[in-house]
Protein backbone atom coordinates (compact mmCIF):
# COMPACT_ATOMS: atom_id res chain seq x y z
CA UNK A 1 -19.73 26.17 24.38
CA UNK A 2 -19.63 22.63 23.69
CA UNK A 3 -18.88 23.57 20.10
CA UNK A 4 -16.41 25.82 20.87
CA UNK A 5 -14.23 23.54 23.27
CA UNK A 6 -14.35 21.03 20.24
CA UNK A 7 -12.90 23.45 17.66
CA UNK A 8 -10.30 24.22 20.40
CA UNK A 9 -9.28 20.67 20.86
CA UNK A 10 -8.93 20.12 17.17
CA UNK A 11 -6.68 23.21 16.71
CA UNK A 12 -4.39 21.97 19.70
CA UNK A 13 -4.47 18.43 18.44
CA UNK A 14 -4.05 19.48 14.95
CA UNK A 15 -0.90 21.81 15.87
CA UNK A 16 0.51 18.61 18.14
CA UNK A 17 0.18 16.12 15.19
CA UNK A 18 1.43 18.55 12.72
CA UNK A 19 4.67 18.48 14.67
CA UNK A 20 5.69 15.05 13.15
CA UNK A 21 3.64 14.58 10.01
CA UNK A 22 3.68 11.10 8.74
CA UNK A 23 4.88 10.54 4.83
CA UNK A 24 2.76 8.52 2.87
CA UNK A 25 5.47 6.55 1.59
CA UNK A 26 8.91 6.24 2.88
CA UNK A 27 11.47 8.13 1.59
CA UNK A 28 15.03 6.56 2.69
CA UNK A 29 17.14 9.39 1.14
CA UNK A 30 16.90 12.74 -0.20
CA UNK A 31 13.61 14.45 0.57
CA UNK A 32 10.43 15.54 -0.94
CA UNK A 33 8.17 18.44 0.00
CA UNK A 34 5.32 19.74 -1.24
CA UNK A 35 3.57 23.13 -2.17
CA UNK A 36 0.61 24.28 -3.92
CA UNK A 37 0.12 27.05 -6.42
CA UNK A 38 -2.60 28.56 -8.30
CA UNK A 39 -6.04 28.94 -6.78
CA UNK A 40 -6.57 27.20 -3.44
CA UNK A 41 -9.73 24.63 -2.89
CA UNK A 42 -12.82 26.53 -1.84
CA UNK A 43 -14.55 23.12 -0.65
CA UNK A 44 -15.26 23.11 2.83
CA UNK A 45 -13.39 20.11 4.38
CA UNK A 46 -14.13 20.72 7.86
CA UNK A 47 -12.38 17.82 9.55
CA UNK A 48 -10.70 15.84 6.85
CA UNK A 49 -7.12 16.77 6.97
CA UNK A 50 -7.34 16.74 10.65
CA UNK A 51 -8.90 13.15 10.25
CA UNK A 52 -6.11 12.10 7.63
CA UNK A 53 -3.19 13.23 9.65
CA UNK A 54 -4.65 11.24 12.72
CA UNK A 55 -5.37 8.02 10.66
CA UNK A 56 -2.00 7.88 9.13
CA UNK A 57 -0.45 8.02 12.57
CA UNK A 58 -2.78 6.04 14.58
CA UNK A 59 -5.07 3.42 12.38
CA UNK A 60 -2.08 0.69 12.65
CA UNK A 61 -2.04 1.19 16.52
CA UNK A 62 -5.51 1.04 16.97
CA UNK A 63 -5.72 -2.30 14.87
CA UNK A 64 -3.20 -3.60 17.09
CA UNK A 65 -4.95 -2.34 20.49
CA UNK A 66 -8.29 -3.96 19.24
CA UNK A 67 -6.56 -7.42 18.27
CA UNK A 68 -4.43 -7.48 21.52
CA UNK A 69 -7.37 -6.40 23.82
CA UNK A 70 -10.36 -7.32 22.25
CA UNK A 71 -13.97 -5.48 23.00
CA UNK A 72 -13.22 -1.94 24.12
CA UNK A 73 -15.86 -0.58 26.51
CA UNK A 74 -15.81 3.29 25.78
CA UNK A 75 -13.83 5.74 23.52
CA UNK A 76 -12.17 7.09 26.58
CA UNK A 77 -10.72 3.67 27.37
CA UNK A 78 -9.46 3.14 23.59
CA UNK A 79 -8.07 6.27 23.18
CA UNK A 80 -6.21 6.31 26.44
CA UNK A 81 -4.78 3.05 25.58
CA UNK A 82 -3.75 4.72 22.35
CA UNK A 83 -2.11 7.41 23.99
CA UNK A 84 -0.29 5.21 26.56
CA UNK A 85 0.98 2.96 23.29
CA UNK A 86 2.15 5.84 21.42
CA UNK A 87 3.16 8.26 24.43
CA UNK A 88 1.31 10.90 22.60
CA UNK A 89 -1.63 12.70 24.23
CA UNK A 90 -2.26 14.56 21.04
CA UNK A 91 -3.30 11.38 19.38
CA UNK A 92 -5.35 10.66 22.57
CA UNK A 93 -7.02 13.78 22.10
CA UNK A 94 -7.77 13.22 18.39
CA UNK A 95 -9.03 9.89 19.03
CA UNK A 96 -11.66 11.00 21.24
CA UNK A 97 -12.68 13.39 19.28
CA UNK A 98 -13.34 11.10 16.35
CA UNK A 99 -14.43 8.48 18.39
CA UNK A 100 -17.31 10.29 19.70
CA UNK A 101 -18.61 11.36 16.21
CA UNK A 102 -19.68 7.66 15.70
CA UNK A 103 -19.58 5.79 19.02
CA UNK A 104 -16.73 3.23 19.85
CA UNK A 105 -18.53 0.10 18.32
CA UNK A 106 -19.02 1.98 14.97
CA UNK A 107 -15.56 3.76 15.45
CA UNK A 108 -13.94 0.17 15.63
CA UNK A 109 -15.79 -1.31 12.88
CA UNK A 110 -14.82 1.61 10.57
CA UNK A 111 -11.08 0.92 11.72
CA UNK A 112 -11.22 -2.75 10.74
CA UNK A 113 -13.44 -2.10 7.39
CA UNK A 114 -10.62 0.70 6.20
CA UNK A 115 -8.09 -1.84 6.29
CA UNK A 116 -5.22 0.63 6.71
CA UNK A 117 -6.34 3.13 4.30
CA UNK A 118 -6.48 6.77 5.94
CA UNK A 119 -8.70 8.58 3.32
CA UNK A 120 -11.42 5.78 2.77
CA UNK A 121 -11.36 5.57 6.92
CA UNK A 122 -12.00 9.24 7.05
CA UNK A 123 -14.54 9.04 4.40
CA UNK A 124 -16.27 6.54 6.01
CA UNK A 125 -16.13 8.65 9.29
CA UNK A 126 -18.07 11.43 6.91
CA UNK A 127 -15.29 13.41 7.60
CA UNK A 128 -13.68 13.80 3.92
CA UNK A 129 -15.57 14.62 0.64
CA UNK A 130 -16.53 12.02 -1.33
CA UNK A 131 -16.74 12.77 -5.13
CA UNK A 132 -16.98 9.86 -7.32
CA UNK A 133 -17.63 11.79 -10.55
CA UNK A 134 -14.38 13.98 -10.14
CA UNK A 135 -11.53 14.26 -12.78
CA UNK A 136 -8.14 15.57 -13.17
CA UNK A 137 -5.87 15.98 -16.40
CA UNK A 138 -2.23 16.67 -15.91
CA UNK A 139 -1.36 19.45 -18.58
CA UNK A 140 2.23 20.01 -17.52
CA UNK A 141 4.86 18.24 -16.10
CA UNK A 142 8.18 19.38 -15.84
CA UNK A 143 11.28 19.33 -13.68
CA UNK A 144 13.86 22.57 -13.15
CA UNK A 145 16.37 22.13 -13.64
CA UNK A 146 16.40 19.47 -16.44
CA UNK A 147 20.03 18.59 -15.68
CA UNK A 148 22.34 19.40 -12.90
CA UNK A 149 24.59 18.32 -10.17
CA UNK A 150 23.54 17.05 -6.81
CA UNK A 151 20.96 19.44 -5.20
CA UNK A 152 17.69 20.60 -5.26
CA UNK A 153 15.58 19.75 -8.05
CA UNK A 154 11.68 21.29 -8.50
CA UNK A 155 9.12 19.19 -10.00
CA UNK A 156 6.46 21.20 -11.40
CA UNK A 157 2.80 19.49 -11.92
CA UNK A 158 -0.41 21.37 -13.77
CA UNK A 159 -3.52 19.89 -13.77
CA UNK A 160 -7.12 20.80 -14.62
CA UNK A 161 -10.48 19.37 -13.38
CA UNK A 162 -13.57 19.99 -15.46
CA UNK A 163 -16.07 18.53 -12.33
CA UNK A 164 -13.74 18.75 -9.21
CA UNK A 165 -11.99 16.25 -7.51
CA UNK A 166 -12.56 14.21 -4.42
CA UNK A 167 -10.40 13.96 -1.34
CA UNK A 168 -7.12 11.82 -2.82
CA UNK A 169 -3.43 11.92 -3.05
CA UNK A 170 -0.63 13.09 -5.54
CA UNK A 171 2.15 10.63 -5.74
CA UNK A 172 5.64 11.12 -7.15
CA UNK A 173 8.05 8.12 -7.49
CA UNK A 174 11.54 8.49 -8.70
CA UNK A 175 13.21 5.80 -11.12
CA UNK A 176 16.67 5.84 -9.57
CA UNK A 177 19.81 5.01 -11.36
CA UNK A 178 20.82 2.29 -8.67
CA UNK A 179 17.13 0.72 -8.72
CA UNK A 180 16.41 2.01 -4.74
CA UNK A 181 12.76 2.84 -4.53
CA UNK A 182 12.23 6.71 -3.93
CA UNK A 183 8.99 8.06 -3.81
CA UNK A 184 6.33 9.62 -1.45
CA UNK A 185 2.52 10.69 -1.52
CA UNK A 186 0.81 13.69 -0.61
CA UNK A 187 -3.01 14.25 0.42
CA UNK A 188 -4.87 16.67 -1.82
CA UNK A 189 -7.92 18.19 -0.70
CA UNK A 190 -11.15 17.98 -2.56
CA UNK A 191 -11.41 20.78 -5.22
CA UNK A 192 -13.73 22.76 -7.09
CA UNK A 193 -13.41 22.63 -11.12
CA UNK A 194 -10.40 24.61 -12.04
CA UNK A 195 -6.54 24.75 -13.16
CA UNK A 196 -4.19 23.57 -10.13
CA UNK A 197 -0.71 23.47 -9.83
CA UNK A 198 1.69 21.56 -7.66
CA UNK A 199 5.31 21.78 -6.91
CA UNK A 200 7.50 19.24 -5.14
CA UNK A 201 11.02 19.89 -3.88
CA UNK A 202 13.07 16.93 -4.18
CA UNK A 203 16.76 17.14 -2.35
CA UNK A 204 18.59 14.91 -4.23
CA UNK A 205 21.70 14.36 -2.30
CA UNK A 206 22.64 11.62 -0.02
CA UNK A 207 20.89 11.86 3.43
CA UNK A 208 23.45 11.71 6.25
CA UNK A 209 20.90 10.40 8.62
CA UNK A 210 20.24 7.61 6.46
CA UNK A 211 21.05 4.07 8.29
CA UNK A 212 21.89 1.35 5.79
CA UNK A 213 21.31 -1.20 8.56
CA UNK A 214 17.54 -0.18 8.24
CA UNK A 215 17.61 -0.28 4.35
CA UNK A 216 19.27 0.95 1.19
CA UNK A 217 20.45 4.54 1.34
CA UNK A 218 19.99 6.39 -2.19
CA UNK A 219 23.22 7.96 -3.10
CA UNK A 220 22.37 10.06 -6.46
CA UNK A 221 24.52 8.66 -8.60
CA UNK A 222 25.01 10.62 -12.23
CA UNK A 223 22.68 9.61 -14.84
CA UNK A 224 18.92 9.86 -15.78
CA UNK A 225 15.90 9.92 -13.37
CA UNK A 226 12.68 9.04 -14.40
CA UNK A 227 9.96 10.81 -12.43
CA UNK A 228 6.34 9.28 -12.70
CA UNK A 229 3.26 11.16 -11.06
CA UNK A 230 -0.04 10.18 -10.59
CA UNK A 231 -3.03 11.84 -9.44
CA UNK A 232 -5.93 9.95 -7.68
CA UNK A 233 -9.35 9.99 -6.11
CA UNK A 234 -8.53 8.30 -2.50
CA UNK A 235 -5.21 6.56 -2.21
CA UNK A 236 -3.39 5.67 -5.38
CA UNK A 237 -3.81 2.11 -5.88
CA UNK A 238 -6.29 1.52 -3.30
CA UNK A 239 -9.15 -1.30 -4.05
CA UNK A 240 -11.74 0.44 -1.81
CA UNK A 241 -14.76 2.62 -2.94
CA UNK A 242 -14.39 6.04 -4.07
CA UNK A 243 -10.55 5.39 -5.53
CA UNK A 244 -9.36 5.66 -8.87
CA UNK A 245 -6.35 7.12 -10.70
CA UNK A 246 -7.34 10.29 -12.31
CA UNK A 247 -4.16 10.76 -14.58
CA UNK A 248 -0.57 9.68 -14.58
CA UNK A 249 2.27 11.53 -16.40
CA UNK A 250 5.96 11.14 -16.77
CA UNK A 251 9.50 13.36 -17.39
CA UNK A 252 12.98 12.92 -16.47
CA UNK A 253 15.86 14.76 -15.05
CA UNK A 254 19.50 14.12 -15.28
CA UNK A 255 22.22 14.49 -12.26
CA UNK A 256 25.60 15.33 -13.86
CA UNK A 257 28.99 14.19 -12.33
């Protein structure tokens, strides 16, 4: 009965967390969305994605609570403080599920050790697959259409792995005409050896909800736009163990006037 209750709690919390999934990088204008083609992963990930979704939303808040409050008595105390601080009971439920795995002392130690790296944190919690001998090679990278007016552009990435991959990230960065940073990272699940494809949809038009008082807003002026893609084990650019860049690729597209 306990295992059934845990599964139900995970499903409930996952659905609540999925309502507001955080991007790995802030996109100030336009939008990037992610879909997977080719064969899906067959690796059993258990709570990996659930853990990462939780960590992306909660790890900074948990660090703040630990710094402000100091020693926390139980998982229930810590996770209730998180729920109160964020106004999200779903985060409180997820926190309790993950905290109970290691106990509150180790849970806190791992938060501090992970240093805001959600993938590494979930690897430390033994919820995500670690594979240090993995690989991935980009075999094709293109944008459709290659040239066109403001609108939706599809970035198509194909890659092959001979040994399989660990839990990681696919990062897309756009070199804009006006130099405003635009990019996002997407979590990639551990995969077996094989061929894979990812499609990233870029809505290349001004975002009416972008607030210029909060930062620059990309206007997608006519011109040439560079596209840089990285496939990584762990978080791209992380200095933590089990992190590396498998491969990188570049292409471009043009927005016409």
